Amino acid sequence: MLFENYNPMEKKMFQIMNQEGEIIEPDLMPNLPREVLIKMYRLMVQTRETDKKALLYQRQGRMLTYAPNIGQEAAQVGSAFVLEKKDWMVPAFRELGAWLTRGADLKKIYLYWYGNEFGSQLPEDIRILPVSIPIASHLQHAVGIAWAAKLQKKDEVVITYFGDGATSQGDFAESMNWAGVYQTPTIFFCQNNQFAISVPRASQTASETIAQKAIAFGMPGILVDGNDIFAIYVATMEAVKRGRSGEGPTLIEAYTYRIGAHTTSDDPTRYRKNEEVEEWKKKDPIDRMRKYLMREGMLTEEEDKTIALECASIAEEAFKYVEANGDIALEDIFKYQYKEMTPQLKEQMEEYQQFLKGRGEV
């Protein structure tokens, strides 16, 4: 029903909860019990605390380049929360909240950003593909998995995450076209955080919204307040229902903001104004849900502080484990690229071993 009544060309943003945590569309509010709402809130807080610790560790030289998620917690948690265990998630690289919601081990997540590829190895029953750094290339993988599920008549949907910059890549158009033609159960979830690295959204596409791009590919698209976890939840739920019932793919544009840098190697002060950032901080998704929960008597100040402290402690313990167990043997860098090492890889490994020996590191 949501998509039947929504026209992406009207540029109207779907919202259930406003900036003050007030429900403005009570008829659309999902009927979720307190324990579920607290779980959703806790996942957002865990994402935020994990992010804060990661940024601290990276600045201390204890972790490699990291992509922050601050400001995008509702978009990630709200969308992933809808999925069932049998469904697939195909991420880019800024999906911490979705990883945690889907059950990925935080130690594994930190291990990846620590520089250890074994962080990409998740249990087979957690259907998450590895991080994809190349922009938009993973969208074709998502469509392929969804098409395979459809051919095998499996009751599975696939959600794939990407940023606004990815919609200017050829892979995006190819994937959307294929999904539309073959009516695959794919949810294209765009985290429109307003910047493609340092390029503002308006400078990298002339389309007034990302959502309206769906029309050209024969699928519904919807513009959603990305900082409203209830609107994200409902929109994704509708997209999942469409996919399961054989109605094909959906494009969701989560209109949000990247409060932090693109990565820890980026300096956002060079391309945006602090005033803009401060305005978006007032729309913080965690503050918004906190206000709602407290207004409804579901959360107290003391409980909120306890959740934050517990989440920070979980992040600290996970990183302690990574620092104690995260180093790998030099050979592992080379020998796991193929089933058997190629002559070129053997030569490279030996050359690097000699280089380290010359520096007295081996």
Protein backbone atom coordinates (compact mmCIF):
# COMPACT_ATOMS: atom_id res chain seq x y z
CA MET A 1 0.00 0.00 0.00
CA LEU A 2 2.81 2.43 0.81
CA PHE A 3 4.29 2.32 -2.68
CA GLU A 4 0.91 2.39 -4.40
CA ASN A 5 0.19 5.76 -2.79
CA TYR A 6 3.65 7.24 -3.21
CA ASN A 7 4.92 9.11 -6.26
CA PRO A 8 8.71 9.72 -6.18
CA MET A 9 8.33 12.61 -8.63
CA GLU A 10 6.46 14.61 -6.01
CA LYS A 11 9.65 14.73 -3.92
CA LYS A 12 7.68 14.27 -0.71
CA MET A 13 9.71 12.70 2.09
CA PHE A 14 8.16 9.77 3.93
CA GLN A 15 8.31 10.40 7.67
CA ILE A 16 6.59 8.95 10.73
CA MET A 17 8.55 10.57 13.58
CA ASN A 18 9.71 14.17 13.45
CA GLN A 19 12.92 15.74 14.71
CA GLU A 20 11.51 16.08 18.24
CA GLY A 21 10.65 12.39 18.50
CA GLU A 22 6.94 13.03 18.01
CA ILE A 23 4.81 10.62 15.96
CA ILE A 24 3.23 12.65 13.16
CA GLU A 25 1.74 9.70 11.25
CA PRO A 26 0.21 7.49 13.97
CA ASP A 27 -1.64 5.32 11.42
CA LEU A 28 1.69 4.32 9.88
CA MET A 29 3.53 3.72 13.16
CA PRO A 30 4.64 0.06 13.40
CA ASN A 31 3.13 -1.83 16.32
CA LEU A 32 6.31 -2.92 18.08
CA PRO A 33 6.56 -3.94 21.77
CA ARG A 34 8.84 -2.11 24.19
CA GLU A 35 11.51 -4.84 24.19
CA VAL A 36 11.83 -4.59 20.41
CA LEU A 37 12.03 -0.80 20.47
CA ILE A 38 14.70 -0.91 23.18
CA LYS A 39 16.63 -3.49 21.15
CA MET A 40 16.55 -1.19 18.11
CA TYR A 41 17.67 1.75 20.22
CA ARG A 42 20.44 -0.28 21.82
CA LEU A 43 21.72 -1.34 18.39
CA MET A 44 21.91 2.31 17.34
CA VAL A 45 23.78 3.21 20.53
CA GLN A 46 26.11 0.23 20.06
CA THR A 47 26.85 1.46 16.55
CA ARG A 48 27.61 4.96 17.83
CA GLU A 49 29.83 3.80 20.70
CA THR A 50 31.66 1.35 18.42
CA ASP A 51 32.26 4.19 15.97
CA LYS A 52 33.57 6.52 18.67
CA LYS A 53 36.02 3.89 19.92
CA ALA A 54 37.17 3.07 16.37
CA LEU A 55 37.93 6.72 15.67
CA LEU A 56 39.89 6.94 18.93
CA TYR A 57 41.90 3.78 18.17
CA GLN A 58 42.64 4.96 14.63
CA ARG A 59 43.93 8.32 15.84
CA GLN A 60 46.15 6.50 18.32
CA GLY A 61 47.68 4.50 15.47
CA ARG A 62 46.10 1.26 16.67
CA MET A 63 43.71 0.77 13.73
CA LEU A 64 43.92 1.43 9.99
CA THR A 65 41.77 3.80 7.91
CA TYR A 66 38.17 3.69 9.11
CA ALA A 67 34.84 4.81 7.60
CA PRO A 68 32.63 6.42 10.30
CA ASN A 69 28.86 5.83 10.45
CA ILE A 70 27.88 8.62 12.85
CA GLY A 71 24.52 10.10 11.87
CA GLN A 72 23.42 7.13 9.78
CA GLU A 73 22.47 4.69 12.56
CA ALA A 74 18.70 4.79 12.00
CA ALA A 75 19.01 4.09 8.28
CA GLN A 76 21.19 1.06 8.92
CA VAL A 77 19.53 -0.48 11.96
CA GLY A 78 15.97 0.25 10.84
CA SER A 79 16.45 -1.40 7.44
CA ALA A 80 18.43 -4.45 8.57
CA PHE A 81 16.04 -5.09 11.47
CA VAL A 82 13.31 -6.10 9.01
CA LEU A 83 15.30 -8.92 7.42
CA GLU A 84 15.02 -12.57 8.34
CA LYS A 85 17.97 -14.89 8.89
CA LYS A 86 17.49 -16.46 5.44
CA ASP A 87 17.85 -13.11 3.66
CA TRP A 88 21.06 -11.70 2.20
CA MET A 89 22.89 -8.44 2.86
CA VAL A 90 25.35 -7.08 0.31
CA PRO A 91 27.18 -4.10 1.87
CA ALA A 92 29.55 -1.43 0.68
CA PHE A 93 31.77 -0.31 3.57
CA ARG A 94 29.72 2.07 5.77
CA GLU A 95 27.16 -0.34 7.20
CA LEU A 96 28.25 -0.90 10.81
CA GLY A 97 24.72 -0.68 12.20
CA ALA A 98 23.40 -3.15 9.63
CA TRP A 99 26.27 -5.60 10.33
CA LEU A 100 25.55 -5.53 14.05
CA THR A 101 21.81 -5.87 13.51
CA ARG A 102 22.34 -8.89 11.27
CA GLY A 103 24.43 -10.59 13.96
CA ALA A 104 27.99 -10.00 12.76
CA ASP A 105 30.53 -10.37 15.57
CA LEU A 106 31.96 -7.00 16.56
CA LYS A 107 35.38 -8.61 17.01
CA LYS A 108 35.28 -9.61 13.34
CA ILE A 109 34.26 -6.12 12.27
CA TYR A 110 37.10 -4.53 14.21
CA LEU A 111 39.48 -7.19 12.89
CA TYR A 112 38.71 -6.10 9.33
CA TRP A 113 39.43 -2.42 10.05
CA TYR A 114 42.52 -3.52 11.96
CA GLY A 115 43.88 -4.72 8.62
CA ASN A 116 43.25 -8.45 8.97
CA GLU A 117 41.23 -9.96 6.11
CA PHE A 118 40.04 -12.77 8.37
CA GLY A 119 37.64 -10.13 9.64
CA SER A 120 35.70 -10.77 6.43
CA GLN A 121 35.05 -14.39 7.40
CA LEU A 122 31.61 -14.69 8.99
CA PRO A 123 29.73 -17.87 9.90
CA GLU A 124 27.86 -19.37 6.95
CA ASP A 125 24.49 -18.82 8.62
CA ILE A 126 25.10 -15.05 8.68
CA ARG A 127 24.35 -14.10 5.11
CA ILE A 128 26.50 -11.02 4.67
CA LEU A 129 28.93 -10.59 1.79
CA PRO A 130 32.38 -9.10 2.52
CA VAL A 131 33.06 -5.36 2.46
CA SER A 132 33.11 -3.89 -1.05
CA ILE A 133 35.32 -0.83 -1.43
CA PRO A 134 34.94 -0.28 -5.22
CA ILE A 135 31.93 1.99 -5.63
CA ALA A 136 28.74 0.22 -6.83
CA SER A 137 30.43 -2.96 -8.10
CA HIS A 138 28.67 -5.04 -5.43
CA LEU A 139 25.20 -4.09 -6.69
CA GLN A 140 25.53 -6.60 -9.50
CA HIS A 141 26.37 -9.30 -6.96
CA ALA A 142 23.18 -8.44 -5.06
CA VAL A 143 21.05 -8.76 -8.18
CA GLY A 144 22.75 -12.04 -9.06
CA ILE A 145 22.01 -13.54 -5.65
CA ALA A 146 18.41 -12.36 -5.83
CA TRP A 147 17.96 -13.73 -9.33
CA ALA A 148 19.39 -17.09 -8.21
CA ALA A 149 16.95 -17.15 -5.28
CA LYS A 150 14.07 -16.44 -7.65
CA LEU A 151 15.12 -19.16 -10.11
CA GLN A 152 15.38 -21.65 -7.24
CA LYS A 153 12.02 -20.48 -5.86
CA LYS A 154 13.56 -19.61 -2.49
CA ASP A 155 11.72 -17.25 -0.18
CA GLU A 156 14.68 -14.88 0.16
CA VAL A 157 15.25 -11.19 -0.42
CA VAL A 158 18.52 -9.35 -0.87
CA ILE A 159 19.27 -5.87 0.43
CA THR A 160 22.25 -3.97 -0.88
CA TYR A 161 23.61 -0.72 0.58
CA PHE A 162 25.37 2.09 -1.27
CA GLY A 163 25.90 5.83 -1.13
CA ASP A 164 24.52 8.61 -3.31
CA GLY A 165 27.75 8.71 -5.33
CA ALA A 166 27.23 5.10 -6.39
CA THR A 167 24.12 6.09 -8.35
CA SER A 168 26.36 7.88 -10.86
CA GLN A 169 28.24 4.66 -11.66
CA GLY A 170 27.44 2.42 -14.59
CA ASP A 171 27.12 -0.57 -12.25
CA PHE A 172 24.12 1.10 -10.61
CA ALA A 173 22.25 1.47 -13.91
CA GLU A 174 23.13 -2.04 -15.06
CA SER A 175 22.03 -3.57 -11.76
CA MET A 176 18.78 -1.61 -11.58
CA ASN A 177 17.97 -2.48 -15.19
CA TRP A 178 18.65 -6.19 -14.69
CA ALA A 179 16.64 -6.29 -11.47
CA GLY A 180 13.74 -4.50 -13.16
CA VAL A 181 13.71 -6.73 -16.24
CA TYR A 182 13.92 -9.98 -14.28
CA GLN A 183 11.87 -8.74 -11.31
CA THR A 184 14.41 -9.91 -8.76
CA PRO A 185 13.68 -9.61 -5.02
CA THR A 186 16.35 -6.91 -4.56
CA ILE A 187 16.14 -3.91 -2.23
CA PHE A 188 18.43 -1.13 -3.40
CA PHE A 189 19.08 0.90 -0.25
CA CYS A 190 20.80 4.22 -0.91
CA GLN A 191 22.24 5.96 2.13
CA ASN A 192 22.12 9.47 0.71
CA ASN A 193 24.44 11.16 3.19
CA GLN A 194 24.79 14.20 0.91
CA PHE A 195 28.39 13.61 -0.18
CA ALA A 196 30.19 11.35 -2.63
CA ILE A 197 33.45 11.64 -0.68
CA SER A 198 34.00 15.41 -1.11
CA VAL A 199 31.49 15.99 -3.93
CA PRO A 200 28.06 17.26 -2.80
CA ARG A 201 25.08 15.31 -4.10
CA ALA A 202 23.86 18.20 -6.27
CA SER A 203 27.19 18.22 -8.14
CA GLN A 204 27.22 14.54 -9.05
CA THR A 205 23.66 14.01 -10.32
CA ALA A 206 21.07 16.36 -11.83
CA SER A 207 18.24 14.16 -10.56
CA GLU A 208 16.25 16.05 -7.94
CA THR A 209 16.02 12.90 -5.82
CA ILE A 210 17.71 9.52 -5.91
CA ALA A 211 14.33 7.82 -5.45
CA GLN A 212 12.96 9.05 -8.77
CA LYS A 213 15.71 7.18 -10.62
CA ALA A 214 13.64 4.05 -9.96
CA ILE A 215 11.01 5.08 -12.51
CA ALA A 216 13.34 4.56 -15.48
CA PHE A 217 13.95 0.96 -14.40
CA GLY A 218 10.33 0.00 -13.84
CA MET A 219 10.33 -0.26 -10.07
CA PRO A 220 8.96 1.83 -7.20
CA GLY A 221 11.21 4.27 -5.42
CA ILE A 222 10.66 6.16 -2.19
CA LEU A 223 12.37 9.07 -0.46
CA VAL A 224 12.52 8.40 3.29
CA ASP A 225 13.71 10.47 6.24
CA GLY A 226 16.88 8.50 6.93
CA ASN A 227 17.06 9.71 10.53
CA ASP A 228 13.58 8.39 11.33
CA ILE A 229 14.03 4.73 12.27
CA PHE A 230 10.28 4.02 12.11
CA ALA A 231 9.92 5.39 8.58
CA ILE A 232 12.95 3.38 7.50
CA TYR A 233 11.55 0.25 9.14
CA VAL A 234 8.14 0.59 7.47
CA ALA A 235 9.53 1.42 4.02
CA THR A 236 11.94 -1.52 4.13
CA MET A 237 9.20 -3.83 5.42
CA GLU A 238 7.04 -2.91 2.43
CA ALA A 239 9.98 -3.49 0.08
CA VAL A 240 10.61 -6.91 1.67
CA LYS A 241 6.94 -7.84 1.23
CA ARG A 242 7.11 -6.86 -2.42
CA GLY A 243 10.21 -8.98 -2.94
CA ARG A 244 8.77 -12.04 -1.19
CA SER A 245 5.49 -11.87 -3.10
CA GLY A 246 7.21 -11.79 -6.49
CA GLU A 247 6.56 -8.09 -7.18
CA GLY A 248 10.24 -7.38 -7.84
CA PRO A 249 12.82 -4.81 -6.72
CA THR A 250 12.51 -1.53 -4.83
CA LEU A 251 14.73 1.55 -4.50
CA ILE A 252 14.81 3.26 -1.09
CA GLU A 253 16.56 6.60 -0.68
CA ALA A 254 17.38 7.21 2.98
CA TYR A 255 17.91 10.97 3.22
CA THR A 256 20.48 11.39 5.96
CA TYR A 257 23.84 13.05 6.64
CA ARG A 258 27.40 11.93 7.18
CA ILE A 259 28.33 13.79 10.37
CA GLY A 260 31.92 12.56 10.32
CA ALA A 261 34.52 12.39 7.60
CA HIS A 262 34.28 10.10 4.58
CA THR A 263 37.08 8.12 6.20
CA THR A 264 39.75 8.93 8.75
CA SER A 265 41.96 9.95 5.79
CA ASP A 266 39.51 12.70 4.84
CA ASP A 267 39.25 16.33 5.98
CA PRO A 268 35.59 17.39 5.49
CA THR A 269 36.28 20.99 6.60
CA ARG A 270 37.79 21.54 3.14
CA TYR A 271 34.50 21.06 1.32
CA ARG A 272 31.64 21.79 3.73
CA LYS A 273 30.75 24.36 6.37
CA ASN A 274 30.55 23.63 10.09
CA GLU A 275 27.20 25.42 10.22
CA GLU A 276 25.74 22.76 7.94
CA VAL A 277 27.05 19.98 10.14
CA GLU A 278 25.66 21.63 13.28
CA GLU A 279 22.21 21.91 11.70
CA TRP A 280 22.22 18.20 10.88
CA LYS A 281 23.34 17.32 14.40
CA LYS A 282 19.98 18.67 15.58
CA LYS A 283 18.37 15.89 13.53
CA ASP A 284 20.45 13.17 15.20
CA PRO A 285 18.65 9.81 14.82
CA ILE A 286 19.63 8.53 18.26
CA ASP A 287 18.49 11.69 20.03
CA ARG A 288 15.23 11.48 18.13
CA MET A 289 14.46 7.95 19.24
CA ARG A 290 15.62 8.66 22.79
CA LYS A 291 13.11 11.52 23.01
CA TYR A 292 10.35 9.24 21.77
CA LEU A 293 11.16 6.43 24.21
CA MET A 294 11.39 8.79 27.16
CA ARG A 295 8.18 10.56 26.24
CA GLU A 296 6.41 7.20 26.09
CA GLY A 297 7.83 6.14 29.45
CA MET A 298 9.86 3.30 27.92
CA LEU A 299 13.30 4.65 28.86
CA THR A 300 14.69 6.56 31.84
CA GLU A 301 17.80 8.73 32.05
CA GLU A 302 19.47 6.12 34.22
CA GLU A 303 18.66 3.29 31.82
CA ASP A 304 19.96 5.36 28.93
CA LYS A 305 23.29 5.97 30.67
CA THR A 306 23.58 2.28 31.48
CA ILE A 307 23.01 1.31 27.83
CA ALA A 308 25.70 3.73 26.65
CA LEU A 309 28.22 2.47 29.22
CA GLU A 310 27.50 -1.18 28.40
CA CYS A 311 27.85 -0.55 24.66
CA ALA A 312 31.13 1.31 25.14
CA SER A 313 32.43 -1.58 27.27
CA ILE A 314 31.46 -4.12 24.60
CA ALA A 315 33.42 -2.14 22.01
CA GLU A 316 36.46 -1.87 24.29
CA GLU A 317 36.50 -5.60 25.01
CA ALA A 318 36.15 -6.45 21.33
CA PHE A 319 39.14 -4.33 20.41
CA LYS A 320 41.23 -5.75 23.24
CA TYR A 321 40.65 -9.17 21.72
CA VAL A 322 41.63 -7.90 18.26
CA GLU A 323 44.87 -6.33 19.49
CA ALA A 324 45.77 -9.55 21.27
CA ASN A 325 44.89 -11.82 18.35
CA GLY A 326 44.84 -9.65 15.23
CA ASP A 327 48.37 -10.10 13.86
CA ILE A 328 48.80 -12.61 11.04
CA ALA A 329 51.78 -14.41 9.54
CA LEU A 330 53.35 -12.73 6.54
CA GLU A 331 52.68 -15.80 4.39
CA ASP A 332 48.93 -15.47 4.97
CA ILE A 333 48.88 -12.23 2.97
CA PHE A 334 49.98 -14.14 -0.12
CA LYS A 335 48.88 -17.74 0.20
CA TYR A 336 45.13 -17.20 0.61
CA GLN A 337 44.54 -15.29 -2.63
CA TYR A 338 44.25 -18.54 -4.59
CA LYS A 339 43.80 -22.19 -3.71
CA GLU A 340 47.48 -22.61 -4.55
CA MET A 341 50.03 -19.82 -4.69
CA THR A 342 51.00 -18.74 -8.19
CA PRO A 343 54.71 -18.42 -9.11
CA GLN A 344 54.30 -14.64 -9.15
CA LEU A 345 52.90 -14.59 -5.61
CA LYS A 346 55.70 -16.84 -4.37
CA GLU A 347 58.23 -14.49 -5.93
CA GLN A 348 56.57 -11.46 -4.36
CA MET A 349 56.47 -13.12 -0.93
CA GLU A 350 60.15 -14.05 -1.09
CA GLU A 351 61.07 -10.56 -2.23
CA TYR A 352 59.14 -9.02 0.65
CA GLN A 353 60.71 -11.41 3.13
CA GLN A 354 64.14 -10.31 1.93
CA PHE A 355 63.07 -6.67 2.26
CA LEU A 356 61.99 -7.20 5.88
CA LYS A 357 65.14 -9.16 6.63
CA GLY A 358 67.19 -6.24 5.35
CA ARG A 359 65.39 -3.97 7.78
CA GLY A 360 65.99 -6.42 10.61
CA GLU A 361 62.26 -7.13 11.02
CA VAL A 362 62.42 -10.86 10.34
